Amino acid sequence: MVLMRLYARKHLMEVVPGSSSRKRNLLDVARFLKFAVNKYGADKKWLPLVADDLKELIGHRQTAPKPTVPIKPEELMVLFVDDGNLKIGNANRNVHS
C-alpha cells in the first residue's frame, strides 16, 4: 500500500530500520487502517500491507542491540505506606513481618 510507504518515508526516515520503535509505529498505522476498514466501512483500498511487505518496510536491524546491565534486587526502589504516609525506599525481598 502506497500510504504506508509514504508514511514511513515522511515520518520514519530517522528511525533505525528493524528497531522496535519503527516496528511499533508501522504496526500502529496498520492496526488503525484495518480498524477503519473493518469497523467503519472505509474503502478496502486502505487495507494495510500484509506480513511480508510490512516486514520489508520495517527492515532489519544492522547491528545487535547493546546489552544492558540487569538491576540488582538491592538497587530496586519501591513505594510503600508507613503510618499513612507514602514513602520511597529500598526493596526488601523475602522479609516477613
Protein backbone atom coordinates (compact mmCIF):
# COMPACT_ATOMS: atom_id res chain seq x y z
CA MET A 1 0.00 0.00 0.00
CA VAL A 2 1.37 3.35 -1.03
CA LEU A 3 0.07 5.15 2.08
CA MET A 4 2.22 3.14 4.48
CA ARG A 5 5.31 3.58 2.32
CA LEU A 6 4.70 7.35 2.21
CA TYR A 7 4.17 7.41 5.99
CA ALA A 8 7.46 5.59 6.53
CA ARG A 9 9.28 7.92 4.13
CA LYS A 10 7.87 11.06 5.75
CA HIS A 11 7.92 10.12 9.44
CA LEU A 12 10.39 7.27 9.91
CA MET A 13 13.44 8.24 7.87
CA GLU A 14 15.45 8.93 11.04
CA VAL A 15 14.24 5.76 12.78
CA VAL A 16 16.65 2.83 12.54
CA PRO A 17 15.38 0.01 10.29
CA GLY A 18 14.40 -3.04 12.32
CA SER A 19 14.16 -1.08 15.57
CA SER A 20 11.31 -1.68 17.98
CA SER A 21 10.10 1.92 17.59
CA ARG A 22 9.92 1.60 13.79
CA LYS A 23 8.05 -1.68 14.12
CA ARG A 24 5.65 -0.24 16.71
CA ASN A 25 4.92 2.84 14.57
CA LEU A 26 4.16 0.83 11.45
CA LEU A 27 2.09 -1.76 13.30
CA ASP A 28 0.04 1.04 14.91
CA VAL A 29 -0.70 2.52 11.48
CA ALA A 30 -1.58 -0.94 10.12
CA ARG A 31 -3.94 -1.65 13.02
CA PHE A 32 -5.64 1.73 12.62
CA LEU A 33 -6.18 1.22 8.88
CA LYS A 34 -7.51 -2.30 9.42
CA PHE A 35 -9.87 -0.99 12.13
CA ALA A 36 -11.12 1.79 9.82
CA VAL A 37 -11.88 -0.67 7.02
CA ASN A 38 -13.37 -3.46 9.16
CA LYS A 39 -15.36 -1.43 11.70
CA TYR A 40 -16.22 1.81 9.92
CA GLY A 41 -16.52 0.72 6.33
CA ALA A 42 -13.57 2.60 4.86
CA ASP A 43 -12.78 1.55 1.30
CA LYS A 44 -10.75 -1.66 1.07
CA LYS A 45 -8.02 0.26 -0.77
CA TRP A 46 -6.98 1.49 2.71
CA LEU A 47 -6.19 -2.01 3.98
CA PRO A 48 -2.60 -2.07 5.27
CA LEU A 49 0.33 -4.00 3.90
CA VAL A 50 0.39 -7.72 4.62
CA ALA A 51 3.07 -9.65 6.50
CA ASP A 52 5.98 -9.86 4.07
CA ASP A 53 5.51 -6.35 2.69
CA LEU A 54 5.19 -4.93 6.20
CA LYS A 55 8.33 -6.77 7.34
CA GLU A 56 10.18 -5.30 4.37
CA LEU A 57 9.06 -1.79 5.33
CA ILE A 58 10.08 -2.35 8.97
CA GLY A 59 13.50 -3.50 7.81
CA HIS A 60 16.22 -5.47 9.55
CA ARG A 61 18.49 -4.33 12.35
CA GLN A 62 22.06 -3.90 11.08
CA THR A 63 23.71 -4.16 14.50
CA ALA A 64 22.77 -6.14 17.57
CA PRO A 65 21.21 -4.15 20.41
CA LYS A 66 23.65 -3.24 23.17
CA PRO A 67 23.29 -5.44 26.24
CA THR A 68 22.07 -3.74 29.38
CA VAL A 69 23.16 -4.37 32.94
CA PRO A 70 20.47 -6.11 35.00
CA ILE A 71 19.15 -4.35 38.09
CA LYS A 72 20.22 -5.98 41.32
CA PRO A 73 17.49 -6.52 43.95
CA GLU A 74 19.20 -4.12 46.35
CA GLU A 75 19.04 -1.40 43.69
CA LEU A 76 15.26 -1.58 43.35
CA MET A 77 13.26 1.19 44.89
CA VAL A 78 9.68 0.69 45.97
CA LEU A 79 6.78 2.81 47.07
CA PHE A 80 5.29 1.85 50.39
CA VAL A 81 2.95 3.29 53.00
CA ASP A 82 4.29 3.82 56.50
CA ASP A 83 1.97 5.29 59.16
CA GLY A 84 -0.31 6.58 56.41
CA ASN A 85 2.50 8.34 54.51
CA LEU A 86 3.69 7.36 51.05
CA LYS A 87 7.44 6.74 51.11
CA ILE A 88 10.15 5.55 48.76
CA GLY A 89 12.70 3.02 49.93
CA ASN A 90 14.79 0.02 49.03
CA ALA A 91 13.02 -3.21 48.23
CA ASN A 92 13.27 -5.79 50.96
CA ARG A 93 12.99 -9.24 49.45
CA ASN A 94 11.68 -12.19 51.39
CA VAL A 95 11.15 -10.15 54.54
CA HIS A 96 8.22 -11.33 56.63
CA SER A 97 6.70 -9.27 59.41
